[in-house]
Amino acid sequence: MHMSQPRINVTRRLTFAAGHILAKPEWDDARNREVFGACAGDHGHNYELEVSVSGSVDEDTGMVINLREVDRIVKDLVIHDVDHRHLNRDVPWLEGCLPTTENVALAIWRRLEGRLPSARLERVRLKETENNAVEVERG
């Protein structure tokens, strides 16, 4: 009888600081404040990003993927573009996107999907504040 191997997830945590405004240009100030509260004004966060991947353990290295490789790819594709930037104005791949935590996490997923060799992207978790985090997971 063949026993199935457990799926192994590996998670790497990175951080970045970025500013944003949550406001829809077609709405007036009152509507933006009603929906987004204080976030309708310029402000920033120290974000925590977790990227989880899965795969088989390499017999030679004992790893699913070298975390240095995950670090390099996430920094190249995401962190370098968003760290100490304004998400509404400075990040080409967020252009036209209302930078809620949900939308930013989804955009990060799209940036990373298929870009990690030998591992499959399983989850992107973006923590905006102590109390707010969003997870995008493989369906």
N, C-alpha and C. Protein backbone atom coordinates (compact mmCIF):
# COMPACT_ATOMS: atom_id res chain seq x y z
N MET A 1 0.84 -1.19 0.00
CA MET A 1 0.00 0.00 0.00
C MET A 1 0.88 1.25 0.00
N HIS A 2 0.61 2.16 -0.91
CA HIS A 2 1.39 3.39 -1.03
C HIS A 2 0.82 4.47 -0.11
N MET A 3 1.67 4.98 0.75
CA MET A 3 1.26 6.05 1.66
C MET A 3 1.51 7.40 0.97
N SER A 4 0.52 8.28 1.01
CA SER A 4 0.72 9.59 0.40
C SER A 4 1.60 10.44 1.31
N GLN A 5 2.42 11.23 0.68
CA GLN A 5 3.31 12.12 1.42
C GLN A 5 2.53 13.35 1.88
N PRO A 6 2.80 13.83 3.09
CA PRO A 6 2.13 15.06 3.52
C PRO A 6 2.62 16.24 2.69
N ARG A 7 1.76 17.21 2.51
CA ARG A 7 2.16 18.43 1.82
C ARG A 7 2.93 19.29 2.81
N ILE A 8 4.03 19.80 2.38
CA ILE A 8 4.86 20.64 3.24
C ILE A 8 4.77 22.08 2.76
N ASN A 9 4.35 22.97 3.67
CA ASN A 9 4.33 24.40 3.40
C ASN A 9 5.51 25.05 4.10
N VAL A 10 6.13 25.98 3.40
CA VAL A 10 7.24 26.76 3.96
C VAL A 10 6.84 28.22 3.84
N THR A 11 7.04 28.98 4.91
CA THR A 11 6.63 30.38 4.93
C THR A 11 7.82 31.29 5.21
N ARG A 12 7.92 32.35 4.43
CA ARG A 12 8.94 33.38 4.63
C ARG A 12 8.23 34.68 4.96
N ARG A 13 8.74 35.40 5.95
CA ARG A 13 8.16 36.67 6.39
C ARG A 13 9.10 37.81 5.99
N LEU A 14 8.52 38.85 5.39
CA LEU A 14 9.27 40.06 5.04
C LEU A 14 8.45 41.26 5.48
N THR A 15 9.08 42.40 5.58
CA THR A 15 8.36 43.61 6.00
C THR A 15 8.64 44.75 5.03
N PHE A 16 7.70 45.68 4.99
CA PHE A 16 7.91 46.92 4.24
C PHE A 16 7.04 48.01 4.84
N ALA A 17 7.45 49.25 4.61
CA ALA A 17 6.68 50.41 5.07
C ALA A 17 6.19 51.15 3.84
N ALA A 18 4.90 51.50 3.85
CA ALA A 18 4.35 52.19 2.68
C ALA A 18 3.18 53.08 3.10
N GLY A 19 2.97 54.12 2.31
CA GLY A 19 1.84 55.01 2.54
C GLY A 19 0.75 54.75 1.52
N HIS A 20 -0.47 55.17 1.85
CA HIS A 20 -1.57 55.08 0.90
C HIS A 20 -2.73 55.94 1.36
N ILE A 21 -3.69 56.08 0.46
CA ILE A 21 -4.96 56.75 0.75
C ILE A 21 -6.06 55.81 0.26
N LEU A 22 -7.09 55.63 1.08
CA LEU A 22 -8.25 54.87 0.63
C LEU A 22 -9.35 55.88 0.33
N ALA A 23 -9.49 56.21 -0.94
CA ALA A 23 -10.51 57.15 -1.38
C ALA A 23 -10.77 56.91 -2.86
N LYS A 24 -12.03 56.87 -3.20
CA LYS A 24 -12.41 56.72 -4.60
C LYS A 24 -12.62 58.11 -5.19
N PRO A 25 -11.94 58.43 -6.29
CA PRO A 25 -12.03 59.79 -6.85
C PRO A 25 -13.45 60.19 -7.27
N GLU A 26 -14.26 59.21 -7.63
CA GLU A 26 -15.63 59.54 -8.05
C GLU A 26 -16.56 59.81 -6.88
N TRP A 27 -16.11 59.55 -5.66
CA TRP A 27 -16.90 59.84 -4.46
C TRP A 27 -16.47 61.18 -3.87
N ASP A 28 -17.39 61.86 -3.20
CA ASP A 28 -17.02 63.10 -2.51
C ASP A 28 -16.35 62.75 -1.17
N ASP A 29 -15.79 63.77 -0.53
CA ASP A 29 -15.06 63.57 0.73
C ASP A 29 -15.94 62.90 1.79
N ALA A 30 -17.20 63.34 1.87
CA ALA A 30 -18.10 62.79 2.90
C ALA A 30 -18.30 61.28 2.70
N ARG A 31 -18.51 60.86 1.46
CA ARG A 31 -18.72 59.42 1.19
C ARG A 31 -17.44 58.64 1.46
N ASN A 32 -16.29 59.16 1.03
CA ASN A 32 -15.02 58.49 1.30
C ASN A 32 -14.78 58.34 2.80
N ARG A 33 -15.06 59.39 3.56
CA ARG A 33 -14.87 59.33 5.02
C ARG A 33 -15.85 58.35 5.65
N GLU A 34 -17.07 58.31 5.12
CA GLU A 34 -18.09 57.40 5.64
C GLU A 34 -17.65 55.94 5.46
N VAL A 35 -17.09 55.63 4.30
CA VAL A 35 -16.71 54.25 3.99
C VAL A 35 -15.33 53.90 4.56
N PHE A 36 -14.35 54.78 4.40
CA PHE A 36 -12.97 54.46 4.75
C PHE A 36 -12.47 55.09 6.04
N GLY A 37 -13.27 55.95 6.67
CA GLY A 37 -12.87 56.58 7.93
C GLY A 37 -11.60 57.37 7.79
N ALA A 38 -10.75 57.28 8.81
CA ALA A 38 -9.49 58.02 8.83
C ALA A 38 -8.57 57.61 7.68
N CYS A 39 -8.78 56.41 7.14
CA CYS A 39 -7.94 55.91 6.05
C CYS A 39 -8.16 56.67 4.74
N ALA A 40 -9.20 57.53 4.71
CA ALA A 40 -9.45 58.34 3.52
C ALA A 40 -8.42 59.46 3.38
N GLY A 41 -7.61 59.66 4.40
CA GLY A 41 -6.52 60.63 4.34
C GLY A 41 -5.19 59.91 4.18
N ASP A 42 -4.17 60.67 3.79
CA ASP A 42 -2.82 60.10 3.64
C ASP A 42 -2.34 59.50 4.95
N HIS A 43 -1.86 58.28 4.93
CA HIS A 43 -1.31 57.63 6.11
C HIS A 43 -0.44 56.45 5.66
N GLY A 44 0.20 55.79 6.60
CA GLY A 44 1.07 54.68 6.23
C GLY A 44 1.02 53.55 7.24
N HIS A 45 1.64 52.45 6.84
CA HIS A 45 1.68 51.26 7.69
C HIS A 45 3.04 50.60 7.59
N ASN A 46 3.39 49.86 8.63
CA ASN A 46 4.51 48.93 8.59
C ASN A 46 3.90 47.56 8.34
N TYR A 47 3.94 47.13 7.09
CA TYR A 47 3.30 45.89 6.68
C TYR A 47 4.20 44.68 6.98
N GLU A 48 3.56 43.56 7.26
CA GLU A 48 4.25 42.27 7.35
C GLU A 48 3.68 41.39 6.25
N LEU A 49 4.55 40.84 5.44
CA LEU A 49 4.15 39.98 4.33
C LEU A 49 4.68 38.58 4.58
N GLU A 50 3.77 37.61 4.54
CA GLU A 50 4.18 36.21 4.62
C GLU A 50 3.85 35.54 3.30
N VAL A 51 4.83 34.83 2.76
CA VAL A 51 4.65 34.09 1.52
C VAL A 51 4.87 32.62 1.84
N SER A 52 3.83 31.81 1.59
CA SER A 52 3.90 30.37 1.86
C SER A 52 3.90 29.60 0.55
N VAL A 53 4.81 28.66 0.45
CA VAL A 53 4.91 27.81 -0.74
C VAL A 53 4.91 26.35 -0.31
N SER A 54 4.57 25.47 -1.25
CA SER A 54 4.60 24.04 -0.95
C SER A 54 5.38 23.33 -2.04
N GLY A 55 5.80 22.12 -1.71
CA GLY A 55 6.51 21.31 -2.69
C GLY A 55 7.07 20.07 -2.02
N SER A 56 7.85 19.35 -2.78
CA SER A 56 8.50 18.15 -2.26
C SER A 56 9.83 18.51 -1.64
N VAL A 57 10.21 17.75 -0.65
CA VAL A 57 11.51 17.97 -0.01
C VAL A 57 12.60 17.40 -0.92
N ASP A 58 13.55 18.23 -1.29
CA ASP A 58 14.68 17.80 -2.11
C ASP A 58 15.57 16.87 -1.27
N GLU A 59 15.87 15.72 -1.80
CA GLU A 59 16.67 14.74 -1.03
C GLU A 59 18.06 15.26 -0.72
N ASP A 60 18.64 16.04 -1.62
CA ASP A 60 20.00 16.55 -1.40
C ASP A 60 20.05 17.64 -0.35
N THR A 61 19.09 18.59 -0.42
CA THR A 61 19.16 19.75 0.47
C THR A 61 18.29 19.60 1.71
N GLY A 62 17.28 18.72 1.64
CA GLY A 62 16.35 18.59 2.75
C GLY A 62 15.35 19.74 2.82
N MET A 63 15.28 20.54 1.74
CA MET A 63 14.40 21.71 1.72
C MET A 63 13.42 21.63 0.56
N VAL A 64 12.26 22.25 0.73
CA VAL A 64 11.32 22.42 -0.37
C VAL A 64 11.88 23.45 -1.35
N ILE A 65 12.36 24.55 -0.80
CA ILE A 65 12.98 25.63 -1.57
C ILE A 65 13.91 26.37 -0.61
N ASN A 66 15.00 26.85 -1.13
CA ASN A 66 15.92 27.62 -0.30
C ASN A 66 15.26 28.96 0.03
N LEU A 67 15.13 29.26 1.30
CA LEU A 67 14.46 30.51 1.71
C LEU A 67 15.19 31.76 1.22
N ARG A 68 16.49 31.63 0.97
CA ARG A 68 17.22 32.77 0.38
C ARG A 68 16.68 33.08 -1.01
N GLU A 69 16.30 32.03 -1.75
CA GLU A 69 15.73 32.21 -3.09
C GLU A 69 14.35 32.88 -3.00
N VAL A 70 13.52 32.44 -2.05
CA VAL A 70 12.21 33.06 -1.83
C VAL A 70 12.42 34.52 -1.48
N ASP A 71 13.34 34.79 -0.59
CA ASP A 71 13.66 36.15 -0.17
C ASP A 71 14.03 37.03 -1.37
N ARG A 72 14.93 36.52 -2.20
CA ARG A 72 15.40 37.28 -3.36
C ARG A 72 14.25 37.58 -4.32
N ILE A 73 13.45 36.57 -4.63
CA ILE A 73 12.36 36.74 -5.59
C ILE A 73 11.31 37.72 -5.06
N VAL A 74 10.92 37.57 -3.79
CA VAL A 74 9.90 38.46 -3.22
C VAL A 74 10.44 39.89 -3.13
N LYS A 75 11.69 40.05 -2.78
CA LYS A 75 12.28 41.39 -2.74
C LYS A 75 12.31 42.01 -4.13
N ASP A 76 12.73 41.22 -5.14
CA ASP A 76 12.83 41.73 -6.51
C ASP A 76 11.47 42.10 -7.08
N LEU A 77 10.45 41.26 -6.85
CA LEU A 77 9.15 41.45 -7.49
C LEU A 77 8.18 42.32 -6.69
N VAL A 78 8.41 42.45 -5.38
CA VAL A 78 7.44 43.15 -4.54
C VAL A 78 8.09 44.22 -3.67
N ILE A 79 8.94 43.81 -2.75
CA ILE A 79 9.44 44.71 -1.70
C ILE A 79 10.14 45.94 -2.29
N HIS A 80 11.00 45.74 -3.29
CA HIS A 80 11.72 46.89 -3.88
C HIS A 80 10.77 47.92 -4.47
N ASP A 81 9.59 47.48 -4.93
CA ASP A 81 8.62 48.40 -5.53
C ASP A 81 7.78 49.13 -4.49
N VAL A 82 7.56 48.51 -3.33
CA VAL A 82 6.60 49.09 -2.37
C VAL A 82 7.24 49.70 -1.12
N ASP A 83 8.45 49.30 -0.77
CA ASP A 83 9.03 49.77 0.49
C ASP A 83 9.36 51.27 0.41
N HIS A 84 8.84 52.01 1.38
CA HIS A 84 9.01 53.46 1.46
C HIS A 84 8.48 54.15 0.20
N ARG A 85 7.36 53.63 -0.28
CA ARG A 85 6.69 54.19 -1.45
C ARG A 85 5.25 54.52 -1.08
N HIS A 86 4.58 55.25 -1.97
CA HIS A 86 3.16 55.54 -1.82
C HIS A 86 2.42 54.60 -2.77
N LEU A 87 1.58 53.74 -2.22
CA LEU A 87 0.94 52.69 -3.01
C LEU A 87 -0.01 53.24 -4.07
N ASN A 88 -0.58 54.42 -3.85
CA ASN A 88 -1.49 55.00 -4.85
C ASN A 88 -0.73 55.58 -6.04
N ARG A 89 0.49 56.07 -5.80
CA ARG A 89 1.17 56.86 -6.83
C ARG A 89 2.46 56.26 -7.37
N ASP A 90 3.15 55.44 -6.59
CA ASP A 90 4.52 55.07 -6.93
C ASP A 90 4.71 53.64 -7.44
N VAL A 91 3.67 52.82 -7.46
CA VAL A 91 3.85 51.40 -7.78
C VAL A 91 3.08 51.08 -9.07
N PRO A 92 3.82 50.91 -10.18
CA PRO A 92 3.15 50.70 -11.48
C PRO A 92 2.15 49.54 -11.48
N TRP A 93 2.46 48.45 -10.80
CA TRP A 93 1.55 47.30 -10.83
C TRP A 93 0.36 47.45 -9.88
N LEU A 94 0.25 48.59 -9.21
CA LEU A 94 -0.96 48.91 -8.43
C LEU A 94 -1.74 50.08 -9.05
N GLU A 95 -1.29 50.53 -10.21
CA GLU A 95 -1.95 51.66 -10.86
C GLU A 95 -3.43 51.34 -11.13
N GLY A 96 -4.29 52.30 -10.77
CA GLY A 96 -5.72 52.11 -10.96
C GLY A 96 -6.38 51.22 -9.93
N CYS A 97 -5.63 50.82 -8.93
CA CYS A 97 -6.11 49.90 -7.89
C CYS A 97 -6.29 50.66 -6.59
N LEU A 98 -7.46 50.54 -5.96
CA LEU A 98 -7.66 51.11 -4.63
C LEU A 98 -6.85 50.23 -3.66
N PRO A 99 -5.79 50.76 -3.03
CA PRO A 99 -4.85 49.91 -2.29
C PRO A 99 -5.33 49.49 -0.89
N THR A 100 -6.49 48.83 -0.86
CA THR A 100 -6.91 48.18 0.38
C THR A 100 -5.96 47.01 0.63
N THR A 101 -5.95 46.50 1.82
CA THR A 101 -5.09 45.35 2.12
C THR A 101 -5.47 44.17 1.23
N GLU A 102 -6.77 43.99 0.98
CA GLU A 102 -7.23 42.91 0.12
C GLU A 102 -6.66 43.04 -1.29
N ASN A 103 -6.78 44.23 -1.86
CA ASN A 103 -6.30 44.45 -3.23
C ASN A 103 -4.78 44.34 -3.34
N VAL A 104 -4.06 44.85 -2.35
CA VAL A 104 -2.61 44.77 -2.38
C VAL A 104 -2.16 43.31 -2.25
N ALA A 105 -2.78 42.56 -1.34
CA ALA A 105 -2.44 41.14 -1.17
C ALA A 105 -2.70 40.36 -2.46
N LEU A 106 -3.81 40.64 -3.11
CA LEU A 106 -4.14 39.97 -4.37
C LEU A 106 -3.13 40.35 -5.47
N ALA A 107 -2.74 41.61 -5.53
CA ALA A 107 -1.74 42.05 -6.51
C ALA A 107 -0.40 41.38 -6.26
N ILE A 108 -0.02 41.22 -4.99
CA ILE A 108 1.23 40.53 -4.65
C ILE A 108 1.14 39.07 -5.09
N TRP A 109 0.00 38.42 -4.83
CA TRP A 109 -0.20 37.03 -5.27
C TRP A 109 0.04 36.93 -6.79
N ARG A 110 -0.56 37.85 -7.53
CA ARG A 110 -0.43 37.82 -9.00
C ARG A 110 1.02 38.04 -9.43
N ARG A 111 1.76 38.86 -8.69
CA ARG A 111 3.18 39.09 -9.01
C ARG A 111 4.01 37.83 -8.78
N LEU A 112 3.65 37.06 -7.76
CA LEU A 112 4.48 35.91 -7.38
C LEU A 112 4.06 34.59 -8.01
N GLU A 113 2.81 34.47 -8.40
CA GLU A 113 2.27 33.23 -8.94
C GLU A 113 3.13 32.72 -10.10
N GLY A 114 3.61 31.48 -9.98
CA GLY A 114 4.40 30.88 -11.04
C GLY A 114 5.84 31.34 -11.11
N ARG A 115 6.28 32.16 -10.17
CA ARG A 115 7.63 32.74 -10.24
C ARG A 115 8.62 32.11 -9.26
N LEU A 116 8.15 31.13 -8.47
CA LEU A 116 9.03 30.49 -7.48
C LEU A 116 9.40 29.10 -7.98
N PRO A 117 10.65 28.91 -8.39
CA PRO A 117 11.05 27.62 -8.96
C PRO A 117 10.93 26.49 -7.94
N SER A 118 10.48 25.35 -8.39
CA SER A 118 10.39 24.11 -7.60
C SER A 118 9.38 24.16 -6.46
N ALA A 119 8.64 25.25 -6.34
CA ALA A 119 7.65 25.35 -5.27
C ALA A 119 6.39 26.00 -5.83
N ARG A 120 5.27 25.72 -5.19
CA ARG A 120 3.98 26.25 -5.62
C ARG A 120 3.50 27.27 -4.59
N LEU A 121 3.13 28.44 -5.06
CA LEU A 121 2.59 29.47 -4.17
C LEU A 121 1.29 28.97 -3.57
N GLU A 122 1.17 28.99 -2.24
CA GLU A 122 -0.02 28.51 -1.55
C GLU A 122 -0.78 29.63 -0.86
N ARG A 123 -0.03 30.61 -0.32
CA ARG A 123 -0.69 31.64 0.49
C ARG A 123 0.15 32.90 0.51
N VAL A 124 -0.54 34.04 0.44
CA VAL A 124 0.07 35.34 0.70
C VAL A 124 -0.74 35.93 1.84
N ARG A 125 -0.06 36.28 2.91
CA ARG A 125 -0.72 36.91 4.06
C ARG A 125 -0.10 38.29 4.24
N LEU A 126 -0.95 39.31 4.23
CA LEU A 126 -0.48 40.68 4.39
C LEU A 126 -1.12 41.27 5.63
N LYS A 127 -0.27 41.60 6.59
CA LYS A 127 -0.73 42.19 7.85
C LYS A 127 -0.49 43.69 7.78
N GLU A 128 -1.60 44.44 7.85
CA GLU A 128 -1.52 45.89 7.73
C GLU A 128 -1.32 46.55 9.09
N THR A 129 -2.05 46.06 10.09
CA THR A 129 -1.93 46.58 11.45
C THR A 129 -1.96 45.40 12.41
N GLU A 130 -1.81 45.68 13.67
CA GLU A 130 -1.89 44.67 14.72
C GLU A 130 -3.21 43.90 14.63
N ASN A 131 -4.26 44.58 14.16
CA ASN A 131 -5.60 43.99 14.17
C ASN A 131 -6.11 43.56 12.80
N ASN A 132 -5.42 43.91 11.72
CA ASN A 132 -5.93 43.63 10.38
C ASN A 132 -4.92 42.85 9.54
N ALA A 133 -5.37 41.73 9.02
CA ALA A 133 -4.54 40.95 8.08
C ALA A 133 -5.46 40.31 7.04
N VAL A 134 -4.92 40.12 5.86
CA VAL A 134 -5.65 39.50 4.75
C VAL A 134 -4.83 38.32 4.25
N GLU A 135 -5.52 37.23 3.91
CA GLU A 135 -4.85 36.08 3.33
C GLU A 135 -5.45 35.76 1.97
N VAL A 136 -4.59 35.54 1.02
CA VAL A 136 -4.99 35.05 -0.29
C VAL A 136 -4.44 33.64 -0.37
N GLU A 137 -5.32 32.67 -0.63
CA GLU A 137 -4.90 31.27 -0.64
C GLU A 137 -5.30 30.60 -1.94
N ARG A 138 -4.51 29.62 -2.32
CA ARG A 138 -4.85 28.83 -3.50
C ARG A 138 -6.20 28.18 -3.30
N GLY A 139 -7.06 28.28 -4.31
CA GLY A 139 -8.42 27.76 -4.20
C GLY A 139 -8.52 26.27 -4.39
